Amino acid sequence: MAKRLPSTPPTLSGFSPIRPLGTGGFADVFLYEQNMPRRSVAVKVLLADVVDEDVIKMFNAEADTMARLSSHPSILTVYEAAIAPDGRPYLVMEYCPRSVSPAYRREVMPLKDVLDIAVRIGSALETAHRSGVLHRDIKPSNILYTSFGTPVLADFGIATSLSGRSGNQTFAMSVPWSAPEVLTYKTKGTVATEVYALGSTVYSLLAGHSPYEIAGGSNAKEELRKRVLRGRMTPLDRDDVSPDLITILKQSLSTRPENRQKSALEFAQHIQMVQEAMGFNVTPCDVASEEWAGAGAKLDFDDSQTRVEGRSTVAYESKRRTRKTTVASLASERENNELEASVSKTPSWVWGALAGAGVVLAVLFGAWMVL
C-alpha cells in the first residue's frame, strides 16, 4: 500500500519549515529552522483529523515524558511543545540526521558499535523505569543518531505508566520485537517486556534482521508471531559473536518473563562484561539517581487538556509577611499618600519664604523679650 503524502507544515512563530522528514499514523515530522537561537530542529505535528481526547493524552504524555527524561545523554532531547495556530499540537525536538534503521539491514554493523548501543539504550530504559515510565515500542527504527553520532532512544508516543493504574491504552504491537505475553494480550507492558524488546533489538542489529525472520522464507506478520510464541530464534551467523553474548540474548528472549534479566540495567551490565572480555572500551551505564527519579510531580498519563500559554497552575506558597488590611487602614494609607503627594508638589520657593519668615519672627520675639 502506498504511503500517504505528508500534511502541510503549520506556520510556527520563530520557525521556518524546510522539508518533510517522515510520516506516521498519528503525526508527520518536518525539518524546521529555528530562528532564535539559530538551529535545525525536528517538529512532530499531529494530524488534524486524528486529534481527539485519546490522541491529546498521547501527545501530552510524550511531551511530558521526553521533557522529564531527555536530560539523559541517550534519550532524544525535546525543546518545547505547543499548539499551532491551525489547532494542531506539535513537539519541537533535536534533529537527528540518521537512524539505525534501515541501515542495519543493508550493511553489517560492527560488533563494537552494537554493544555500545546496547549499553546506552539499556541505561536510558533503566532511567525511564526509575521515573515510572515504560517506553513500550523499543525497536531499531526508534534508535536515532545525533549530529555527533551518539545513539539516542526516541518516540515515547505510546509510553505509559509503570504502575499500570493509568496511561495510554494504545497497544504496542511491533510484532518482531514484542514479547510473547504482549502478542497474546496478557499485558500491555512491563519491565520484562522492555528487556525482551531490548534483547530483540540488539539481536536485530547484529543479524541484520529480527530474531525470528528466516532468509528466503515466509516472514509475514502472522508467521513471525507464531515463531515468537514458540521462542525459536534464528541462529546468529557471525563469527565475532561470542557464546557469552548468545547466552545473554537468549536469556532476554526467553518466552518466560521470570527467566529474563530482572531489569534493563542488569541487561546492560551483562553487555559490559562482554565488552570487557573482548577488549573493547566499556560503555558507562548512565543511570539517573534515585533522588532525581523521585523529584517533581508524577507524570499524568491521563491528561487530555489542550494546554496553551498562560499562568502556571502549580500552587505556590509565598514566604513574605502579610498584614491584615481593613477599610480604616486603607483610608489612613490613602490620606498619607495624598499628604505626601501635596508636600512633594509644593514649590521650593514657598518653603524658602516660610523659612525666612520664621527667622524674622524669631528675631522680633527675642528683641521683645529683652525689652
Protein backbone atom coordinates (compact mmCIF):
# COMPACT_ATOMS: atom_id res chain seq x y z
CA MET A 1 0.00 0.00 0.00
CA ALA A 2 1.39 3.39 -0.98
CA LYS A 3 2.37 5.72 1.83
CA ARG A 4 0.28 8.84 2.19
CA LEU A 5 1.69 12.26 1.39
CA PRO A 6 2.76 14.40 4.36
CA SER A 7 0.40 17.12 5.58
CA THR A 8 1.14 20.82 5.10
CA PRO A 9 3.60 22.05 7.74
CA PRO A 10 2.00 24.56 10.11
CA THR A 11 3.12 28.18 10.38
CA LEU A 12 5.01 28.44 13.66
CA SER A 13 6.26 31.68 15.16
CA GLY A 14 10.06 31.68 15.24
CA PHE A 15 10.43 28.65 12.94
CA SER A 16 10.78 28.26 9.16
CA PRO A 17 9.75 24.96 7.51
CA ILE A 18 12.37 23.24 5.33
CA ARG A 19 11.10 19.80 4.25
CA PRO A 20 9.23 16.69 5.47
CA LEU A 21 11.23 14.07 7.36
CA GLY A 22 8.65 11.31 7.77
CA THR A 23 5.01 10.31 8.12
CA GLY A 24 3.23 8.14 10.66
CA GLY A 25 -0.20 7.01 11.74
CA PHE A 26 -0.82 9.94 14.06
CA ALA A 27 1.71 12.58 13.04
CA ASP A 28 4.14 13.96 10.49
CA VAL A 29 7.69 15.06 11.23
CA PHE A 30 9.20 18.10 9.49
CA LEU A 31 12.61 19.71 9.42
CA TYR A 32 12.40 23.35 10.53
CA GLU A 33 14.95 26.09 11.02
CA GLN A 34 14.61 27.77 14.39
CA ASN A 35 15.29 31.48 14.04
CA MET A 36 16.49 32.27 17.58
CA PRO A 37 18.68 30.58 18.59
CA ARG A 38 19.57 29.50 15.06
CA ARG A 39 19.49 25.71 14.70
CA SER A 40 17.85 22.85 12.79
CA VAL A 41 15.03 21.11 14.66
CA ALA A 42 12.62 18.25 14.03
CA VAL A 43 8.97 19.16 14.58
CA LYS A 44 6.42 16.39 15.16
CA VAL A 45 2.92 17.60 14.22
CA LEU A 46 -0.26 15.67 14.96
CA LEU A 47 -2.63 15.14 12.06
CA ALA A 48 -5.71 17.37 12.23
CA ASP A 49 -8.20 14.57 11.53
CA VAL A 50 -6.99 12.29 14.35
CA VAL A 51 -6.86 14.83 17.18
CA ASP A 52 -9.29 13.65 19.84
CA GLU A 53 -9.13 13.19 23.60
CA ASP A 54 -7.10 9.97 23.43
CA VAL A 55 -4.60 11.40 20.95
CA ILE A 56 -4.19 14.53 23.09
CA LYS A 57 -3.41 12.23 26.02
CA MET A 58 -0.72 10.53 23.92
CA PHE A 59 0.71 13.86 22.86
CA ASN A 60 0.80 15.30 26.40
CA ALA A 61 2.32 12.10 27.75
CA GLU A 62 5.04 12.06 25.08
CA ALA A 63 5.88 15.74 25.61
CA ASP A 64 5.97 15.44 29.41
CA THR A 65 7.88 12.16 29.38
CA MET A 66 10.56 13.36 26.98
CA ALA A 67 10.91 16.64 28.86
CA ARG A 68 11.45 14.66 32.07
CA LEU A 69 13.87 12.16 30.54
CA SER A 70 15.71 13.99 27.75
CA SER A 71 18.46 15.19 30.07
CA HIS A 72 19.72 11.61 29.72
CA PRO A 73 22.55 11.50 27.14
CA SER A 74 20.91 8.57 25.32
CA ILE A 75 17.36 9.93 25.07
CA LEU A 76 16.29 12.34 22.33
CA THR A 77 16.12 15.95 23.54
CA VAL A 78 12.80 17.85 23.40
CA TYR A 79 12.88 21.66 23.30
CA GLU A 80 9.25 22.71 23.52
CA ALA A 81 5.64 21.70 22.85
CA ALA A 82 2.66 23.87 21.95
CA ILE A 83 -0.42 24.26 19.76
CA ALA A 84 -0.04 25.62 16.22
CA PRO A 85 -2.33 28.46 15.03
CA ASP A 86 -4.31 25.90 13.00
CA GLY A 87 -5.02 23.90 16.17
CA ARG A 88 -2.55 21.05 15.66
CA PRO A 89 -0.36 20.12 18.64
CA TYR A 90 3.35 19.97 17.86
CA LEU A 91 6.58 18.91 19.54
CA VAL A 92 9.97 20.54 18.79
CA MET A 93 12.87 18.10 19.16
CA GLU A 94 16.56 17.71 18.48
CA TYR A 95 17.18 17.00 14.81
CA CYS A 96 18.91 13.65 14.25
CA PRO A 97 20.10 13.22 10.64
CA ARG A 98 20.41 9.40 10.73
CA SER A 99 18.66 6.36 12.14
CA VAL A 100 19.87 2.85 12.92
CA SER A 101 17.08 1.58 10.68
CA PRO A 102 17.04 0.57 7.85
CA ALA A 103 20.83 0.79 7.59
CA TYR A 104 21.32 -2.29 9.82
CA ARG A 105 19.56 -4.42 7.16
CA ARG A 106 21.83 -3.22 4.34
CA GLU A 107 25.22 -3.42 6.00
CA VAL A 108 26.88 -5.39 8.78
CA MET A 109 27.17 -3.28 11.92
CA PRO A 110 30.49 -3.61 13.78
CA LEU A 111 30.14 -5.64 16.97
CA LYS A 112 31.80 -2.86 18.96
CA ASP A 113 29.12 -0.36 17.86
CA VAL A 114 26.23 -2.72 18.62
CA LEU A 115 27.48 -3.41 22.14
CA ASP A 116 27.87 0.32 22.74
CA ILE A 117 24.29 0.92 21.60
CA ALA A 118 23.05 -1.91 23.83
CA VAL A 119 24.55 -0.38 26.98
CA ARG A 120 23.43 3.17 26.14
CA ILE A 121 19.82 2.23 25.37
CA GLY A 122 19.71 -0.12 28.35
CA SER A 123 20.81 2.77 30.58
CA ALA A 124 18.18 5.03 29.02
CA LEU A 125 15.45 2.46 29.66
CA GLU A 126 16.57 1.94 33.25
CA THR A 127 16.32 5.69 33.81
CA ALA A 128 12.81 5.75 32.30
CA HIS A 129 11.75 2.84 34.51
CA ARG A 130 13.09 4.56 37.63
CA SER A 131 10.94 7.54 36.70
CA GLY A 132 7.88 5.29 36.42
CA VAL A 133 7.72 5.18 32.60
CA LEU A 134 7.52 2.29 30.13
CA HIS A 135 8.57 3.04 26.54
CA ARG A 136 6.61 0.10 25.00
CA ASP A 137 7.98 0.45 21.45
CA ILE A 138 11.68 -0.41 21.54
CA LYS A 139 12.92 -1.36 18.07
CA PRO A 140 15.71 -0.37 15.66
CA SER A 141 13.72 2.41 13.95
CA ASN A 142 13.36 4.22 17.30
CA ILE A 143 17.11 4.49 17.77
CA LEU A 144 18.50 7.61 16.09
CA TYR A 145 21.96 9.11 15.73
CA THR A 146 22.55 12.70 16.84
CA SER A 147 24.62 15.03 14.68
CA PHE A 148 27.66 13.83 16.71
CA GLY A 149 26.94 10.15 16.04
CA THR A 150 25.58 9.36 19.51
CA PRO A 151 22.73 6.82 19.55
CA VAL A 152 19.58 8.01 21.35
CA LEU A 153 16.21 6.47 22.11
CA ALA A 154 13.27 8.30 20.52
CA ASP A 155 9.46 8.15 20.19
CA PHE A 156 7.75 7.91 23.57
CA GLY A 157 4.42 8.32 21.77
CA ILE A 158 2.85 5.21 23.31
CA ALA A 159 4.70 5.35 26.62
CA THR A 160 2.69 4.59 29.72
CA SER A 161 2.90 4.48 33.49
CA LEU A 162 4.96 1.67 35.01
CA SER A 163 2.29 1.32 37.73
CA GLY A 164 -0.31 0.27 35.13
CA ARG A 165 -3.02 2.19 37.01
CA SER A 166 -3.40 4.77 34.26
CA GLY A 167 -1.95 5.81 30.97
CA ASN A 168 -2.09 5.33 27.25
CA GLN A 169 -4.25 2.35 26.32
CA THR A 170 -2.84 2.10 22.78
CA PHE A 171 -1.46 -1.39 22.29
CA ALA A 172 2.21 -1.66 21.30
CA MET A 173 2.37 -4.34 18.61
CA SER A 174 5.64 -4.22 16.66
CA VAL A 175 5.49 -7.98 16.17
CA PRO A 176 9.15 -8.88 15.50
CA TRP A 177 10.28 -7.12 18.72
CA SER A 178 7.29 -7.68 21.02
CA ALA A 179 7.35 -10.22 23.85
CA PRO A 180 5.06 -13.29 23.65
CA GLU A 181 2.90 -12.04 26.52
CA VAL A 182 2.26 -8.82 24.57
CA LEU A 183 1.31 -10.72 21.41
CA THR A 184 -1.16 -12.83 23.38
CA TYR A 185 -2.67 -9.73 25.03
CA LYS A 186 -1.70 -10.81 28.55
CA THR A 187 -0.06 -7.46 29.28
CA LYS A 188 0.36 -4.03 27.72
CA GLY A 189 3.85 -3.62 29.07
CA THR A 190 6.17 -4.48 31.96
CA VAL A 191 9.87 -4.20 32.72
CA ALA A 192 10.18 -7.80 31.48
CA THR A 193 8.63 -6.93 28.10
CA GLU A 194 11.04 -3.99 27.80
CA VAL A 195 14.00 -6.29 28.45
CA TYR A 196 12.69 -8.64 25.76
CA ALA A 197 12.33 -5.82 23.22
CA LEU A 198 15.82 -4.54 24.05
CA GLY A 199 17.35 -8.00 23.56
CA SER A 200 15.40 -8.45 20.33
CA THR A 201 16.63 -5.09 19.06
CA VAL A 202 20.28 -5.88 19.87
CA TYR A 203 19.92 -9.24 18.09
CA SER A 204 18.46 -7.46 15.05
CA LEU A 205 21.40 -5.04 14.84
CA LEU A 206 23.82 -7.97 14.92
CA ALA A 207 21.94 -10.22 12.48
CA GLY A 208 20.54 -7.64 10.07
CA HIS A 209 17.02 -8.93 10.71
CA SER A 210 14.70 -9.60 13.65
CA PRO A 211 15.28 -12.79 15.72
CA TYR A 212 12.54 -14.83 14.04
CA GLU A 213 12.95 -13.86 10.39
CA ILE A 214 14.14 -16.60 8.04
CA ALA A 215 16.16 -15.73 4.96
CA GLY A 216 14.24 -16.85 1.89
CA GLY A 217 11.26 -17.98 3.98
CA SER A 218 7.86 -16.52 4.73
CA ASN A 219 8.19 -13.60 7.12
CA ALA A 220 4.59 -12.41 7.15
CA LYS A 221 3.35 -10.91 10.41
CA GLU A 222 1.33 -13.98 11.41
CA GLU A 223 4.25 -16.31 10.67
CA LEU A 224 6.56 -14.16 12.78
CA ARG A 225 4.01 -14.14 15.58
CA LYS A 226 3.90 -17.95 15.67
CA ARG A 227 7.71 -18.17 15.80
CA VAL A 228 7.88 -15.61 18.62
CA LEU A 229 5.41 -17.64 20.66
CA ARG A 230 7.48 -20.81 20.08
CA GLY A 231 10.68 -18.97 21.01
CA ARG A 232 12.86 -20.45 18.28
CA MET A 233 15.18 -17.66 17.25
CA THR A 234 17.21 -17.89 14.04
CA PRO A 235 20.88 -18.68 14.80
CA LEU A 236 23.24 -15.71 14.54
CA ASP A 237 25.58 -16.18 11.58
CA ARG A 238 28.54 -14.10 12.81
CA ASP A 239 31.99 -15.38 13.76
CA ASP A 240 32.69 -12.43 16.08
CA VAL A 241 29.67 -13.08 18.34
CA SER A 242 30.87 -14.93 21.44
CA PRO A 243 28.96 -17.75 23.18
CA ASP A 244 28.56 -15.47 26.22
CA LEU A 245 26.77 -12.86 24.13
CA ILE A 246 24.50 -15.54 22.62
CA THR A 247 23.61 -16.68 26.14
CA ILE A 248 22.73 -13.12 27.20
CA LEU A 249 20.49 -12.63 24.17
CA LYS A 250 18.76 -15.99 24.63
CA GLN A 251 18.05 -15.13 28.26
CA SER A 252 16.50 -11.77 27.31
CA LEU A 253 14.38 -13.53 24.65
CA SER A 254 13.03 -16.24 26.91
CA THR A 255 9.33 -16.94 26.47
CA ARG A 256 9.06 -16.96 30.28
CA PRO A 257 9.31 -13.38 31.65
CA GLU A 258 10.73 -14.56 35.00
CA ASN A 259 13.76 -16.09 33.25
CA ARG A 260 14.88 -12.83 31.60
CA GLN A 261 17.24 -10.29 33.12
CA LYS A 262 15.43 -8.58 36.01
CA SER A 263 15.99 -5.07 34.67
CA ALA A 264 17.35 -3.09 31.74
CA LEU A 265 20.32 -2.22 33.94
CA GLU A 266 21.13 -5.90 34.50
CA PHE A 267 21.00 -6.49 30.74
CA ALA A 268 23.34 -3.52 30.15
CA GLN A 269 25.75 -4.78 32.83
CA HIS A 270 25.87 -8.20 31.17
CA ILE A 271 26.77 -6.50 27.88
CA GLN A 272 29.51 -4.56 29.68
CA MET A 273 31.07 -7.86 30.74
CA VAL A 274 31.18 -8.94 27.08
CA GLN A 275 32.83 -5.62 26.15
CA GLU A 276 35.48 -6.13 28.81
CA ALA A 277 36.10 -9.76 27.82
CA MET A 278 36.61 -8.74 24.17
CA GLY A 279 38.98 -5.89 25.00
CA PHE A 280 36.58 -3.11 23.95
CA ASN A 281 36.17 0.14 25.83
CA VAL A 282 33.41 -0.43 28.38
CA THR A 283 30.49 1.93 27.82
CA PRO A 284 29.43 3.53 31.12
CA CYS A 285 25.91 2.94 32.42
CA ASP A 286 24.42 6.42 32.72
CA VAL A 287 21.52 5.89 35.11
CA ALA A 288 19.72 8.66 36.97
CA SER A 289 19.96 8.72 40.74
CA GLU A 290 17.00 7.81 42.94
CA GLU A 291 16.83 11.46 44.12
CA TRP A 292 16.37 12.67 40.53
CA ALA A 293 13.85 9.97 39.69
CA GLY A 294 11.71 10.85 42.70
CA ALA A 295 11.81 14.62 42.24
CA GLY A 296 8.97 16.66 40.79
CA ALA A 297 5.32 15.85 40.22
CA LYS A 298 4.31 12.42 38.93
CA LEU A 299 3.70 12.23 35.20
CA ASP A 300 -0.01 12.30 34.37
CA PHE A 301 -0.79 9.92 31.50
CA ASP A 302 -4.50 10.76 31.66
CA ASP A 303 -4.11 14.49 30.94
CA SER A 304 -6.29 15.31 27.92
CA GLN A 305 -6.22 19.11 28.28
CA THR A 306 -5.07 21.15 25.29
CA ARG A 307 -2.50 23.27 27.06
CA VAL A 308 -1.75 26.81 25.92
CA GLU A 309 0.46 29.56 27.26
CA GLY A 310 -0.82 31.21 30.40
CA ARG A 311 -0.42 31.41 34.13
CA SER A 312 1.13 28.45 35.90
CA THR A 313 -1.35 26.17 37.64
CA VAL A 314 1.26 25.00 40.13
CA ALA A 315 0.38 26.17 43.64
CA TYR A 316 2.99 28.43 45.27
CA GLU A 317 3.03 29.44 48.92
CA SER A 318 4.67 32.82 49.47
CA LYS A 319 7.02 33.23 52.45
CA ARG A 320 6.57 37.03 52.60
CA ARG A 321 4.93 38.55 55.67
CA THR A 322 1.43 39.87 55.18
CA ARG A 323 -0.62 42.38 57.18
CA LYS A 324 -4.31 42.50 57.89
CA THR A 325 -5.97 45.05 55.63
CA THR A 326 -9.04 46.96 56.83
CA VAL A 327 -11.11 49.80 55.45
CA ALA A 328 -9.66 52.14 58.13
CA SER A 329 -6.06 51.22 57.26
CA LEU A 330 -6.75 51.74 53.56
CA ALA A 331 -8.28 55.20 54.30
CA SER A 332 -5.32 56.16 56.51
CA GLU A 333 -2.87 54.97 53.88
CA ARG A 334 -4.70 56.99 51.24
CA GLU A 335 -4.58 60.18 53.40
CA ASN A 336 -0.86 59.70 54.00
CA ASN A 337 -0.26 59.20 50.28
CA GLU A 338 -2.26 62.35 49.45
CA LEU A 339 -0.36 64.37 52.09
CA GLU A 340 2.98 63.14 50.75
CA ALA A 341 1.88 64.00 47.23
CA SER A 342 0.81 67.52 48.20
CA VAL A 343 4.10 68.11 50.02
CA SER A 344 6.10 66.89 47.07
CA LYS A 345 4.17 69.26 44.77
CA THR A 346 4.81 72.42 46.91
CA PRO A 347 7.35 74.71 45.12
CA SER A 348 10.72 75.11 46.81
CA TRP A 349 10.49 78.95 46.91
CA VAL A 350 7.40 78.66 49.15
CA TRP A 351 9.32 76.61 51.63
CA GLY A 352 12.19 79.11 51.45
CA ALA A 353 9.86 82.06 52.13
CA LEU A 354 8.26 80.29 55.05
CA ALA A 355 11.67 79.53 56.50
CA GLY A 356 12.74 83.23 56.14
CA ALA A 357 9.58 84.42 57.82
CA GLY A 358 10.26 82.08 60.68
CA VAL A 359 13.70 83.59 61.20
CA VAL A 360 12.32 87.16 61.24
CA LEU A 361 9.65 86.23 63.77
CA ALA A 362 12.26 84.58 65.97
CA VAL A 363 14.43 87.75 65.94
CA LEU A 364 11.49 90.04 66.78
CA PHE A 365 10.38 87.73 69.58
CA GLY A 366 13.92 87.75 71.02
CA ALA A 367 14.11 91.60 70.91
CA TRP A 368 10.72 91.90 72.66
CA MET A 369 11.89 89.63 75.47
CA VAL A 370 14.95 91.85 76.05
CA LEU A 371 12.81 94.96 76.32
